[in-house]
PDB file of N, CA and C in Angstrom:
ATOM      1  N   UNK A   1      56.044  81.807 164.241  1.00  0.00           N
ATOM      2  CA  UNK A   1      57.293  82.557 163.896  1.00  0.00           C
ATOM      3  C   UNK A   1      57.598  83.677 164.971  1.00  0.00           C
ATOM      4  N   UNK A   2      56.487  84.487 165.381  1.00  0.00           N
ATOM      5  CA  UNK A   2      56.566  85.448 166.561  1.00  0.00           C
ATOM      6  C   UNK A   2      56.831  84.508 167.886  1.00  0.00           C
ATOM      7  N   UNK A   3      56.209  83.401 168.254  1.00  0.00           N
ATOM      8  CA  UNK A   3      56.452  82.558 169.490  1.00  0.00           C
ATOM      9  C   UNK A   3      57.983  82.227 169.360  1.00  0.00           C
ATOM     10  N   UNK A   4      58.410  81.740 168.393  1.00  0.00           N
ATOM     11  CA  UNK A   4      59.923  81.335 167.905  1.00  0.00           C
ATOM     12  C   UNK A   4      60.753  82.615 168.337  1.00  0.00           C
ATOM     13  N   UNK A   5      60.472  83.877 167.903  1.00  0.00           N
ATOM     14  CA  UNK A   5      61.420  84.938 168.064  1.00  0.00           C
ATOM     15  C   UNK A   5      61.347  85.058 169.395  1.00  0.00           C
ATOM     16  N   UNK A   6      60.120  85.305 170.072  1.00  0.00           N
ATOM     17  CA  UNK A   6      59.855  85.631 171.286  1.00  0.00           C
ATOM     18  C   UNK A   6      60.721  84.470 172.515  1.00  0.00           C
ATOM     19  N   UNK A   7      60.755  83.425 172.373  1.00  0.00           N
ATOM     20  CA  UNK A   7      61.520  82.411 172.676  1.00  0.00           C
ATOM     21  C   UNK A   7      63.116  82.530 173.204  1.00  0.00           C
ATOM     22  N   UNK A   8      63.291  82.887 171.578  1.00  0.00           N
ATOM     23  CA  UNK A   8      64.892  83.068 171.458  1.00  0.00           C
ATOM     24  C   UNK A   8      65.433  84.411 172.192  1.00  0.00           C
ATOM     25  N   UNK A   9      64.278  85.439 172.091  1.00  0.00           N
ATOM     26  CA  UNK A   9      64.649  86.539 172.945  1.00  0.00           C
ATOM     27  C   UNK A   9      64.832  86.449 174.593  1.00  0.00           C
ATOM     28  N   UNK A  10      63.599  85.624 175.084  1.00  0.00           N
ATOM     29  CA  UNK A  10      63.633  85.175 176.362  1.00  0.00           C
ATOM     30  C   UNK A  10      64.810  84.756 176.688  1.00  0.00           C
ATOM     31  N   UNK A  11      65.349  83.780 175.943  1.00  0.00           N
ATOM     32  CA  UNK A  11      66.620  82.924 176.131  1.00  0.00           C
ATOM     33  C   UNK A  11      67.824  83.785 176.301  1.00  0.00           C
ATOM     34  N   UNK A  12      67.830  84.732 175.242  1.00  0.00           N
ATOM     35  CA  UNK A  12      69.014  85.351 175.204  1.00  0.00           C
ATOM     36  C   UNK A  12      69.218  86.420 176.535  1.00  0.00           C
ATOM     37  N   UNK A  13      68.010  86.851 177.040  1.00  0.00           N
ATOM     38  CA  UNK A  13      67.788  87.631 178.113  1.00  0.00           C
ATOM     39  C   UNK A  13      68.379  86.876 179.439  1.00  0.00           C
ATOM     40  N   UNK A  14      67.826  85.749 179.551  1.00  0.00           N
ATOM     41  CA  UNK A  14      68.362  85.027 180.856  1.00  0.00           C
ATOM     42  C   UNK A  14      69.621  84.466 180.715  1.00  0.00           C
ATOM     43  N   UNK A  15      70.403  84.231 179.500  1.00  0.00           N
ATOM     44  CA  UNK A  15      71.707  83.937 179.324  1.00  0.00           C
ATOM     45  C   UNK A  15      72.412  84.985 179.754  1.00  0.00           C
ATOM     46  N   UNK A  16      72.042  86.371 179.234  1.00  0.00           N
ATOM     47  CA  UNK A  16      72.820  87.750 179.905  1.00  0.00           C
ATOM     48  C   UNK A  16      73.062  87.767 181.111  1.00  0.00           C
ATOM     49  N   UNK A  17      72.052  87.211 181.828  1.00  0.00           N
ATOM     50  CA  UNK A  17      71.753  87.555 183.394  1.00  0.00           C
ATOM     51  C   UNK A  17      72.799  86.822 184.290  1.00  0.00           C
ATOM     52  N   UNK A  18      73.339  85.710 183.698  1.00  0.00           N
ATOM     53  CA  UNK A  18      74.046  84.924 184.488  1.00  0.00           C
ATOM     54  C   UNK A  18      75.575  85.651 184.411  1.00  0.00           C
ATOM     55  N   UNK A  19      76.164  85.775 185.428  1.00  0.00           N
ATOM     56  CA  UNK A  19      77.629  86.260 185.672  1.00  0.00           C
ATOM     57  C   UNK A  19      78.700  85.236 185.340  1.00  0.00           C
ATOM     58  N   UNK A  20      79.439  85.648 184.388  1.00  0.00           N
ATOM     59  CA  UNK A  20      80.426  84.690 184.090  1.00  0.00           C
ATOM     60  C   UNK A  20      81.303  84.248 185.341  1.00  0.00           C
ATOM     61  N   UNK A  21      82.055  83.296 185.197  1.00  0.00           N
ATOM     62  CA  UNK A  21      83.070  82.687 186.450  1.00  0.00           C
ATOM     63  C   UNK A  21      84.058  83.896 187.008  1.00  0.00           C
ATOM     64  N   UNK A  22      84.219  83.966 187.887  1.00  0.00           N
ATOM     65  CA  UNK A  22      85.331  84.819 188.478  1.00  0.00           C
ATOM     66  C   UNK A  22      86.558  84.287 188.219  1.00  0.00           C
ATOM     67  N   UNK A  23      87.481  85.092 187.612  1.00  0.00           N
ATOM     68  CA  UNK A  23      88.839  85.046 187.355  1.00  0.00           C
ATOM     69  C   UNK A  23      90.012  85.931 187.484  1.00  0.00           C
ATOM     70  N   UNK A  24      90.317  86.019 188.817  1.00  0.00           N
ATOM     71  CA  UNK A  24      91.328  87.090 189.199  1.00  0.00           C
ATOM     72  C   UNK A  24      92.574  86.308 189.150  1.00  0.00           C
ATOM     73  N   UNK A  25      93.028  85.901 188.086  1.00  0.00           N
ATOM     74  CA  UNK A  25      94.392  84.953 188.127  1.00  0.00           C
ATOM     75  C   UNK A  25      95.526  85.847 188.668  1.00  0.00           C
ATOM     76  N   UNK A  26      95.723  86.895 188.356  1.00  0.00           N
ATOM     77  CA  UNK A  26      96.693  87.332 188.712  1.00  0.00           C
ATOM     78  C   UNK A  26      96.968  87.482 190.403  1.00  0.00           C
ATOM     79  N   UNK A  27      95.798  87.330 191.322  1.00  0.00           N
ATOM     80  CA  UNK A  27      95.978  87.146 192.438  1.00  0.00           C
ATOM     81  C   UNK A  27      96.837  85.961 192.997  1.00  0.00           C
ATOM     82  N   UNK A  28      96.845  84.977 191.913  1.00  0.00           N
ATOM     83  CA  UNK A  28      97.297  83.719 192.340  1.00  0.00           C
ATOM     84  C   UNK A  28      98.706  83.555 191.391  1.00  0.00           C
ATOM     85  N   UNK A  29      99.486  84.268 190.855  1.00  0.00           N
ATOM     86  CA  UNK A  29     100.608  84.255 190.318  1.00  0.00           C
ATOM     87  C   UNK A  29     101.945  83.656 191.290  1.00  0.00           C
ATOM     88  N   UNK A  30     101.593  84.623 192.499  1.00  0.00           N
ATOM     89  CA  UNK A  30     102.769  84.156 193.324  1.00  0.00           C
ATOM     90  C   UNK A  30     102.106  83.601 194.551  1.00  0.00           C
ATOM     91  N   UNK A  31     102.956  83.084 195.435  1.00  0.00           N
ATOM     92  CA  UNK A  31     102.280  82.620 196.653  1.00  0.00           C
ATOM     93  C   UNK A  31     102.615  81.155 197.097  1.00  0.00           C
ATOM     94  N   UNK A  32     102.172  80.785 198.288  1.00  0.00           N
ATOM     95  CA  UNK A  32     102.412  79.467 198.784  1.00  0.00           C
ATOM     96  C   UNK A  32     101.047  78.670 198.726  1.00  0.00           C
ATOM     97  N   UNK A  33     101.076  77.364 198.158  1.00  0.00           N
ATOM     98  CA  UNK A  33      99.629  76.952 197.825  1.00  0.00           C
ATOM     99  C   UNK A  33      99.722  75.588 198.198  1.00  0.00           C
ATOM    100  N   UNK A  34      98.434  74.768 198.254  1.00  0.00           N
ATOM    101  CA  UNK A  34      98.071  73.371 198.639  1.00  0.00           C
ATOM    102  C   UNK A  34      97.145  72.777 197.708  1.00  0.00           C
ATOM    103  N   UNK A  35      97.797  71.457 197.104  1.00  0.00           N
ATOM    104  CA  UNK A  35      97.023  70.768 195.961  1.00  0.00           C
ATOM    105  C   UNK A  35      96.836  69.426 196.506  1.00  0.00           C
ATOM    106  N   UNK A  36      95.780  68.705 196.562  1.00  0.00           N
ATOM    107  CA  UNK A  36      95.343  67.508 196.802  1.00  0.00           C
ATOM    108  C   UNK A  36      94.666  66.814 195.849  1.00  0.00           C
ATOM    109  N   UNK A  37      95.101  65.552 195.630  1.00  0.00           N
ATOM    110  CA  UNK A  37      94.735  64.763 194.296  1.00  0.00           C
ATOM    111  C   UNK A  37      94.446  62.947 194.862  1.00  0.00           C
ATOM    112  N   UNK A  38      94.127  62.348 194.285  1.00  0.00           N
ATOM    113  CA  UNK A  38      93.958  60.868 194.757  1.00  0.00           C
ATOM    114  C   UNK A  38      94.677  60.078 193.917  1.00  0.00           C
ATOM    115  N   UNK A  39      95.633  59.373 194.585  1.00  0.00           N
ATOM    116  CA  UNK A  39      96.622  58.509 193.529  1.00  0.00           C
ATOM    117  C   UNK A  39      96.616  57.261 194.051  1.00  0.00           C
ATOM    118  N   UNK A  40      96.276  56.245 193.086  1.00  0.00           N
ATOM    119  CA  UNK A  40      96.172  54.867 193.330  1.00  0.00           C
ATOM    120  C   UNK A  40      95.067  54.530 194.581  1.00  0.00           C
ATOM    121  N   UNK A  41      94.136  55.366 194.435  1.00  0.00           N
ATOM    122  CA  UNK A  41      93.125  55.228 195.704  1.00  0.00           C
ATOM    123  C   UNK A  41      93.350  56.013 197.103  1.00  0.00           C
ATOM    124  N   UNK A  42      94.594  56.860 197.122  1.00  0.00           N
ATOM    125  CA  UNK A  42      95.036  57.151 198.438  1.00  0.00           C
ATOM    126  C   UNK A  42      94.756  58.664 198.298  1.00  0.00           C
ATOM    127  N   UNK A  43      94.694  59.698 198.878  1.00  0.00           N
ATOM    128  CA  UNK A  43      94.667  60.998 199.007  1.00  0.00           C
ATOM    129  C   UNK A  43      96.080  61.631 199.171  1.00  0.00           C
ATOM    130  N   UNK A  44      96.591  62.309 198.409  1.00  0.00           N
ATOM    131  CA  UNK A  44      97.783  62.949 198.489  1.00  0.00           C
ATOM    132  C   UNK A  44      97.827  64.420 198.368  1.00  0.00           C
ATOM    133  N   UNK A  45      98.552  64.996 199.196  1.00  0.00           N
ATOM    134  CA  UNK A  45      98.644  66.594 198.988  1.00  0.00           C
ATOM    135  C   UNK A  45     100.445  66.998 198.780  1.00  0.00           C
ATOM    136  N   UNK A  46     100.208  67.945 198.010  1.00  0.00           N
ATOM    137  CA  UNK A  46     101.808  68.662 197.583  1.00  0.00           C
ATOM    138  C   UNK A  46     101.408  69.895 198.289  1.00  0.00           C
ATOM    139  N   UNK A  47     102.337  70.795 198.439  1.00  0.00           N
ATOM    140  CA  UNK A  47     102.216  72.068 198.805  1.00  0.00           C
ATOM    141  C   UNK A  47     103.382  72.729 197.602  1.00  0.00           C
ATOM    142  N   UNK A  48     103.205  73.594 197.230  1.00  0.00           N
ATOM    143  CA  UNK A  48     104.213  74.528 196.462  1.00  0.00           C
ATOM    144  C   UNK A  48     104.187  76.085 196.569  1.00  0.00           C
ATOM    145  N   UNK A  49     105.407  76.670 196.152  1.00  0.00           N
ATOM    146  CA  UNK A  49     105.613  78.068 196.525  1.00  0.00           C
ATOM    147  C   UNK A  49     106.067  78.495 194.816  1.00  0.00           C
ATOM    148  N   UNK A  50     105.242  79.313 194.741  1.00  0.00           N
ATOM    149  CA  UNK A  50     105.456  80.105 193.171  1.00  0.00           C
ATOM    150  C   UNK A  50     106.167  81.645 193.320  1.00  0.00           C
ATOM    151  N   UNK A  51     106.872  81.934 192.456  1.00  0.00           N
ATOM    152  CA  UNK A  51     107.053  83.503 192.287  1.00  0.00           C
ATOM    153  C   UNK A  51     106.904  83.493 190.830  1.00  0.00           C
ATOM    154  N   UNK A  52     107.202  84.489 190.343  1.00  0.00           N
ATOM    155  CA  UNK A  52     106.584  84.828 188.744  1.00  0.00           C
ATOM    156  C   UNK A  52     107.381  84.048 187.877  1.00  0.00           C
ATOM    157  N   UNK A  53     108.626  83.206 188.052  1.00  0.00           N
ATOM    158  CA  UNK A  53     109.253  82.273 187.288  1.00  0.00           C
ATOM    159  C   UNK A  53     109.750  80.840 187.529  1.00  0.00           C
ATOM    160  N   UNK A  54     109.549  80.760 188.940  1.00  0.00           N
ATOM    161  CA  UNK A  54     109.786  79.603 189.691  1.00  0.00           C
ATOM    162  C   UNK A  54     108.824  78.921 190.721  1.00  0.00           C
ATOM    163  N   UNK A  55     108.896  77.422 190.595  1.00  0.00           N
ATOM    164  CA  UNK A  55     107.837  76.803 191.692  1.00  0.00           C
ATOM    165  C   UNK A  55     108.687  75.893 191.994  1.00  0.00           C
ATOM    166  N   UNK A  56     108.422  75.816 193.282  1.00  0.00           N
ATOM    167  CA  UNK A  56     108.955  74.727 193.995  1.00  0.00           C
ATOM    168  C   UNK A  56     108.354  73.743 194.661  1.00  0.00           C
ATOM    169  N   UNK A  57     107.786  72.337 194.353  1.00  0.00           N
ATOM    170  CA  UNK A  57     107.149  71.574 194.936  1.00  0.00           C
ATOM    171  C   UNK A  57     107.638  70.814 196.117  1.00  0.00           C
ATOM    172  N   UNK A  58     106.662  70.363 197.236  1.00  0.00           N
ATOM    173  CA  UNK A  58     107.062  69.671 198.448  1.00  0.00           C
ATOM    174  C   UNK A  58     106.175  68.519 198.306  1.00  0.00           C
ATOM    175  N   UNK A  59     106.591  67.348 198.244  1.00  0.00           N
ATOM    176  CA  UNK A  59     105.653  66.307 198.107  1.00  0.00           C
ATOM    177  C   UNK A  59     106.368  65.083 198.812  1.00  0.00           C
ATOM    178  N   UNK A  60     105.835  64.276 199.923  1.00  0.00           N
ATOM    179  CA  UNK A  60     106.302  63.521 200.429  1.00  0.00           C
ATOM    180  C   UNK A  60     107.804  63.339 200.763  1.00  0.00           C
ATOM    181  N   UNK A  61     108.033  64.475 201.564  1.00  0.00           N
ATOM    182  CA  UNK A  61     109.434  64.808 202.002  1.00  0.00           C
ATOM    183  C   UNK A  61     110.464  64.915 200.828  1.00  0.00           C
ATOM    184  N   UNK A  62     109.787  65.183 199.620  1.00  0.00           N
ATOM    185  CA  UNK A  62     110.929  65.483 198.494  1.00  0.00           C
ATOM    186  C   UNK A  62     110.556  66.709 198.066  1.00  0.00           C
ATOM    187  N   UNK A  63     111.436  67.533 197.454  1.00  0.00           N
ATOM    188  CA  UNK A  63     111.590  68.825 196.906  1.00  0.00           C
ATOM    189  C   UNK A  63     112.024  68.915 195.273  1.00  0.00           C
ATOM    190  N   UNK A  64     111.048  69.435 194.336  1.00  0.00           N
ATOM    191  CA  UNK A  64     111.432  69.332 193.214  1.00  0.00           C
ATOM    192  C   UNK A  64     111.068  70.957 192.790  1.00  0.00           C
ATOM    193  N   UNK A  65     112.000  71.366 191.549  1.00  0.00           N
ATOM    194  CA  UNK A  65     111.833  72.741 191.213  1.00  0.00           C
ATOM    195  C   UNK A  65     111.429  72.670 189.497  1.00  0.00           C
ATOM    196  N   UNK A  66     110.257  73.754 189.125  1.00  0.00           N
ATOM    197  CA  UNK A  66     110.215  73.955 187.798  1.00  0.00           C
ATOM    198  C   UNK A  66     110.342  75.308 187.484  1.00  0.00           C
ATOM    199  N   UNK A  67     110.423  75.731 186.054  1.00  0.00           N
ATOM    200  CA  UNK A  67     110.315  76.979 185.625  1.00  0.00           C
ATOM    201  C   UNK A  67     109.053  77.368 185.351  1.00  0.00           C
ATOM    202  N   UNK A  68     108.769  78.604 185.569  1.00  0.00           N
ATOM    203  CA  UNK A  68     107.372  79.147 185.216  1.00  0.00           C
ATOM    204  C   UNK A  68     107.615  80.125 183.876  1.00  0.00           C
ATOM    205  N   UNK A  69     106.513  79.670 182.944  1.00  0.00           N
ATOM    206  CA  UNK A  69     106.512  80.702 181.686  1.00  0.00           C
ATOM    207  C   UNK A  69     105.070  81.037 181.553  1.00  0.00           C
ATOM    208  N   UNK A  70     104.730  82.310 181.822  1.00  0.00           N
ATOM    209  CA  UNK A  70     103.345  82.786 181.787  1.00  0.00           C
ATOM    210  C   UNK A  70     102.896  82.942 180.188  1.00  0.00           C
ATOM    211  N   UNK A  71     101.864  82.451 179.777  1.00  0.00           N
ATOM    212  CA  UNK A  71     101.476  82.888 178.725  1.00  0.00           C
ATOM    213  C   UNK A  71     100.470  83.740 178.585  1.00  0.00           C
ATOM    214  N   UNK A  72      99.765  84.056 179.668  1.00  0.00           N
ATOM    215  CA  UNK A  72      98.944  85.178 179.592  1.00  0.00           C
ATOM    216  C   UNK A  72      98.717  85.247 181.327  1.00  0.00           C
ATOM    217  N   UNK A  73      97.784  85.912 181.719  1.00  0.00           N
ATOM    218  CA  UNK A  73      97.476  86.226 183.339  1.00  0.00           C
ATOM    219  C   UNK A  73      96.955  84.629 183.972  1.00  0.00           C
ATOM    220  N   UNK A  74      96.198  83.940 182.838  1.00  0.00           N
ATOM    221  CA  UNK A  74      95.492  82.582 183.333  1.00  0.00           C
ATOM    222  C   UNK A  74      95.993  81.513 182.920  1.00  0.00           C
ATOM    223  N   UNK A  75      97.152  81.382 182.227  1.00  0.00           N
ATOM    224  CA  UNK A  75      97.759  80.112 181.714  1.00  0.00           C
ATOM    225  C   UNK A  75      99.265  80.210 181.820  1.00  0.00           C
ATOM    226  N   UNK A  76      99.713  79.112 182.221  1.00  0.00           N
ATOM    227  CA  UNK A  76     101.261  79.194 182.177  1.00  0.00           C
ATOM    228  C   UNK A  76     101.879  77.824 181.896  1.00  0.00           C
ATOM    229  N   UNK A  77     102.958  77.570 181.783  1.00  0.00           N
ATOM    230  CA  UNK A  77     103.620  76.277 181.467  1.00  0.00           C
ATOM    231  C   UNK A  77     104.698  76.050 182.657  1.00  0.00           C
ATOM    232  N   UNK A  78     104.675  74.737 183.246  1.00  0.00           N
ATOM    233  CA  UNK A  78     105.889  74.248 184.169  1.00  0.00           C
ATOM    234  C   UNK A  78     106.616  73.335 183.454  1.00  0.00           C
ATOM    235  N   UNK A  79     108.043  73.571 183.652  1.00  0.00           N
ATOM    236  CA  UNK A  79     109.390  72.875 182.937  1.00  0.00           C
ATOM    237  C   UNK A  79     109.999  72.294 184.056  1.00  0.00           C
ATOM    238  N   UNK A  80     110.186  70.969 184.217  1.00  0.00           N
ATOM    239  CA  UNK A  80     111.018  70.454 185.556  1.00  0.00           C
ATOM    240  C   UNK A  80     112.332  70.767 185.372  1.00  0.00           C
ATOM    241  N   UNK A  81     113.176  71.345 186.366  1.00  0.00           N
ATOM    242  CA  UNK A  81     114.550  71.659 186.210  1.00  0.00           C
ATOM    243  C   UNK A  81     115.337  70.713 186.028  1.00  0.00           C
ATOM    244  N   UNK A  82     114.981  69.572 186.886  1.00  0.00           N
ATOM    245  CA  UNK A  82     115.955  68.244 187.242  1.00  0.00           C
ATOM    246  C   UNK A  82     114.922  67.058 186.978  1.00  0.00           C
ATOM    247  N   UNK A  83     114.717  66.578 185.728  1.00  0.00           N
ATOM    248  CA  UNK A  83     113.943  65.416 185.330  1.00  0.00           C
ATOM    249  C   UNK A  83     114.759  64.451 185.918  1.00  0.00           C
ATOM    250  N   UNK A  84     113.898  63.358 186.380  1.00  0.00           N
ATOM    251  CA  UNK A  84     114.558  62.084 186.746  1.00  0.00           C
ATOM    252  C   UNK A  84     114.204  60.948 185.626  1.00  0.00           C
ATOM    253  N   UNK A  85     113.182  61.203 184.908  1.00  0.00           N
ATOM    254  CA  UNK A  85     112.630  60.319 183.698  1.00  0.00           C
ATOM    255  C   UNK A  85     111.943  60.972 182.649  1.00  0.00           C
ATOM    256  N   UNK A  86     111.860  60.283 181.600  1.00  0.00           N
ATOM    257  CA  UNK A  86     111.164  60.901 180.411  1.00  0.00           C
ATOM    258  C   UNK A  86     109.917  61.627 180.608  1.00  0.00           C
ATOM    259  N   UNK A  87     108.951  60.814 181.519  1.00  0.00           N
ATOM    260  CA  UNK A  87     107.862  61.592 182.113  1.00  0.00           C
ATOM    261  C   UNK A  87     107.830  62.859 182.489  1.00  0.00           C
ATOM    262  N   UNK A  88     108.855  63.152 183.393  1.00  0.00           N
ATOM    263  CA  UNK A  88     109.290  64.350 183.823  1.00  0.00           C
ATOM    264  C   UNK A  88     109.860  65.595 183.168  1.00  0.00           C
ATOM    265  N   UNK A  89     110.232  65.048 181.919  1.00  0.00           N
ATOM    266  CA  UNK A  89     110.892  65.720 180.902  1.00  0.00           C
ATOM    267  C   UNK A  89     109.651  66.727 180.217  1.00  0.00           C
ATOM    268  N   UNK A  90     108.485  66.051 180.162  1.00  0.00           N
ATOM    269  CA  UNK A  90     107.561  66.901 179.689  1.00  0.00           C
ATOM    270  C   UNK A  90     106.902  68.032 180.245  1.00  0.00           C
ATOM    271  N   UNK A  91     106.800  69.123 179.586  1.00  0.00           N
ATOM    272  CA  UNK A  91     106.339  70.221 180.278  1.00  0.00           C
ATOM    273  C   UNK A  91     104.712  70.125 180.416  1.00  0.00           C
ATOM    274  N   UNK A  92     104.158  71.037 181.646  1.00  0.00           N
ATOM    275  CA  UNK A  92     103.162  71.011 181.873  1.00  0.00           C
ATOM    276  C   UNK A  92     102.099  72.127 181.643  1.00  0.00           C
ATOM    277  N   UNK A  93     101.172  72.124 180.991  1.00  0.00           N
ATOM    278  CA  UNK A  93      99.995  73.434 180.677  1.00  0.00           C
ATOM    279  C   UNK A  93      99.390  73.519 181.674  1.00  0.00           C
ATOM    280  N   UNK A  94      98.973  74.774 182.218  1.00  0.00           N
ATOM    281  CA  UNK A  94      98.117  74.964 183.405  1.00  0.00           C
ATOM    282  C   UNK A  94      97.085  76.131 183.086  1.00  0.00           C
ATOM    283  N   UNK A  95      96.113  76.064 183.144  1.00  0.00           N
ATOM    284  CA  UNK A  95      95.192  77.040 182.824  1.00  0.00           C
ATOM    285  C   UNK A  95      94.013  77.482 184.004  1.00  0.00           C
ATOM    286  N   UNK A  96      94.223  78.492 184.397  1.00  0.00           N
ATOM    287  CA  UNK A  96      93.251  78.628 185.525  1.00  0.00           C
ATOM    288  C   UNK A  96      91.725  79.110 185.004  1.00  0.00           C
ATOM    289  N   UNK A  97      90.700  78.434 185.354  1.00  0.00           N
ATOM    290  CA  UNK A  97      89.481  78.348 185.004  1.00  0.00           C
ATOM    291  C   UNK A  97      88.651  79.269 185.984  1.00  0.00           C
ATOM    292  N   UNK A  98      88.793  79.505 186.974  1.00  0.00           N
ATOM    293  CA  UNK A  98      87.966  80.187 188.124  1.00  0.00           C
ATOM    294  C   UNK A  98      88.777  80.317 189.203  1.00  0.00           C
ATOM    295  N   UNK A  99      88.418  81.577 189.898  1.00  0.00           N
ATOM    296  CA  UNK A  99      88.846  81.665 191.267  1.00  0.00           C
ATOM    297  C   UNK A  99      88.034  82.275 192.225  1.00  0.00           C
ATOM    298  N   UNK A 100      88.345  81.955 193.585  1.00  0.00           N
ATOM    299  CA  UNK A 100      87.649  82.527 194.713  1.00  0.00           C
ATOM    300  C   UNK A 100      88.912  83.508 195.477  1.00  0.00           C
ATOM    301  N   UNK A 101      88.351  83.916 196.508  1.00  0.00           N
ATOM    302  CA  UNK A 101      89.259  84.647 197.432  1.00  0.00           C
ATOM    303  C   UNK A 101      90.290  83.805 197.669  1.00  0.00           C
ATOM    304  N   UNK A 102      90.317  82.734 198.102  1.00  0.00           N
ATOM    305  CA  UNK A 102      91.644  81.584 198.684  1.00  0.00           C
ATOM    306  C   UNK A 102      91.972  80.507 197.764  1.00  0.00           C
ATOM    307  N   UNK A 103      91.282  80.608 196.537  1.00  0.00           N
ATOM    308  CA  UNK A 103      91.611  79.066 195.706  1.00  0.00           C
ATOM    309  C   UNK A 103      91.497  79.268 194.468  1.00  0.00           C
ATOM    310  N   UNK A 104      92.016  78.553 193.430  1.00  0.00           N
ATOM    311  CA  UNK A 104      91.641  78.575 192.056  1.00  0.00           C
ATOM    312  C   UNK A 104      91.584  77.027 191.483  1.00  0.00           C
ATOM    313  N   UNK A 105      90.668  77.041 190.536  1.00  0.00           N
ATOM    314  CA  UNK A 105      90.347  75.776 190.080  1.00  0.00           C
ATOM    315  C   UNK A 105      91.133  75.994 188.487  1.00  0.00           C
ATOM    316  N   UNK A 106      91.811  74.825 188.156  1.00  0.00           N
ATOM    317  CA  UNK A 106      92.696  75.081 187.179  1.00  0.00           C
ATOM    318  C   UNK A 106      92.428  73.342 186.207  1.00  0.00           C
ATOM    319  N   UNK A 107      92.879  73.522 184.890  1.00  0.00           N
ATOM    320  CA  UNK A 107      92.965  72.061 184.328  1.00  0.00           C
ATOM    321  C   UNK A 107      94.384  72.348 183.981  1.00  0.00           C
ATOM    322  N   UNK A 108      94.820  71.117 183.924  1.00  0.00           N
ATOM    323  CA  UNK A 108      96.125  70.901 183.458  1.00  0.00           C
ATOM    324  C   UNK A 108      96.634  69.610 182.406  1.00  0.00           C
ATOM    325  N   UNK A 109      97.828  69.698 181.791  1.00  0.00           N
ATOM    326  CA  UNK A 109      97.841  68.169 181.042  1.00  0.00           C
ATOM    327  C   UNK A 109      99.138  68.566 180.486  1.00  0.00           C
ATOM    328  N   UNK A 110      99.846  67.304 180.404  1.00  0.00           N
ATOM    329  CA  UNK A 110     101.300  67.149 179.682  1.00  0.00           C
ATOM    330  C   UNK A 110     101.176  67.760 178.234  1.00  0.00           C
ATOM    331  N   UNK A 111     101.867  68.557 178.058  1.00  0.00           N
ATOM    332  CA  UNK A 111     102.018  69.161 176.661  1.00  0.00           C
ATOM    333  C   UNK A 111     102.101  68.059 175.567  1.00  0.00           C
ATOM    334  N   UNK A 112     101.143  67.971 174.620  1.00  0.00           N
ATOM    335  CA  UNK A 112     101.178  66.778 173.318  1.00  0.00           C
ATOM    336  C   UNK A 112     100.221  65.630 174.062  1.00  0.00           C
ATOM    337  N   UNK A 113      99.584  65.908 175.195  1.00  0.00           N
ATOM    338  CA  UNK A 113      99.120  64.796 175.495  1.00  0.00           C
ATOM    339  C   UNK A 113      97.470  65.167 175.728  1.00  0.00           C
ATOM    340  N   UNK A 114      96.515  64.803 174.906  1.00  0.00           N
ATOM    341  CA  UNK A 114      95.185  65.273 174.830  1.00  0.00           C
ATOM    342  C   UNK A 114      94.248  65.258 176.191  1.00  0.00           C
ATOM    343  N   UNK A 115      94.689  64.192 177.124  1.00  0.00           N
ATOM    344  CA  UNK A 115      93.937  63.939 178.370  1.00  0.00           C
ATOM    345  C   UNK A 115      94.082  65.277 179.194  1.00  0.00           C
ATOM    346  N   UNK A 116      93.084  65.974 179.682  1.00  0.00           N
ATOM    347  CA  UNK A 116      93.203  67.003 180.816  1.00  0.00           C
ATOM    348  C   UNK A 116      92.593  66.640 182.067  1.00  0.00           C
ATOM    349  N   UNK A 117      93.081  67.076 183.056  1.00  0.00           N
ATOM    350  CA  UNK A 117      92.762  66.801 184.307  1.00  0.00           C
ATOM    351  C   UNK A 117      92.522  68.205 184.973  1.00  0.00           C
ATOM    352  N   UNK A 118      91.620  68.122 186.005  1.00  0.00           N
ATOM    353  CA  UNK A 118      91.021  69.365 187.020  1.00  0.00           C
ATOM    354  C   UNK A 118      91.692  69.114 188.382  1.00  0.00           C
ATOM    355  N   UNK A 119      91.891  70.448 188.733  1.00  0.00           N
ATOM    356  CA  UNK A 119      92.177  70.495 190.237  1.00  0.00           C
ATOM    357  C   UNK A 119      91.858  71.764 191.068  1.00  0.00           C
ATOM    358  N   UNK A 120      92.135  71.825 192.212  1.00  0.00           N
ATOM    359  CA  UNK A 120      91.875  73.028 193.137  1.00  0.00           C
ATOM    360  C   UNK A 120      93.269  73.159 193.794  1.00  0.00           C
ATOM    361  N   UNK A 121      93.775  74.449 193.597  1.00  0.00           N
ATOM    362  CA  UNK A 121      94.719  74.866 194.533  1.00  0.00           C
ATOM    363  C   UNK A 121      94.251  75.915 195.709  1.00  0.00           C
ATOM    364  N   UNK A 122      94.597  75.644 196.808  1.00  0.00           N
ATOM    365  CA  UNK A 122      94.220  76.497 197.764  1.00  0.00           C
ATOM    366  C   UNK A 122      95.345  77.731 198.322  1.00  0.00           C
ATOM    367  N   UNK A 123      95.330  78.785 198.384  1.00  0.00           N
ATOM    368  CA  UNK A 123      96.493  79.525 198.738  1.00  0.00           C
ATOM    369  C   UNK A 123      96.590  79.600 200.242  1.00  0.00           C
ATOM    370  N   UNK A 124      97.685  79.505 200.733  1.00  0.00           N
ATOM    371  CA  UNK A 124      97.836  79.333 202.224  1.00  0.00           C
ATOM    372  C   UNK A 124      98.600  80.426 202.497  1.00  0.00           C
ATOM    373  N   UNK A 125      98.307  80.820 203.944  1.00  0.00           N
ATOM    374  CA  UNK A 125      98.865  82.245 204.198  1.00  0.00           C
ATOM    375  C   UNK A 125      99.936  82.019 205.587  1.00  0.00           C
TER     376      UNK A 125
END
């Protein structure tokens, strides 16, 4: 019994020594960003500019605008202002998972869709 308690205590001490991931989400509420992802086997990059309530995306020579509604400092919802089809009508939930000095890793999904995707946005200067 003593060995089990000692093991649990040691594991608890080791667990407490690990620092949680950095999340300075407010540093990324506004600014100019870049995000790359693979689409049909090809790496595609989009840039976007976000202020507190509007995000403008630039992708392959086209511009698209979405409203931004912040749920808390690390989560927000994007709603396309000019949807061109049913898929674009769905709002996107974005949750910032970790941050660095110049980037953030996030998880996103269409609201109502259980599939979640991850990405990293880089803050441009």
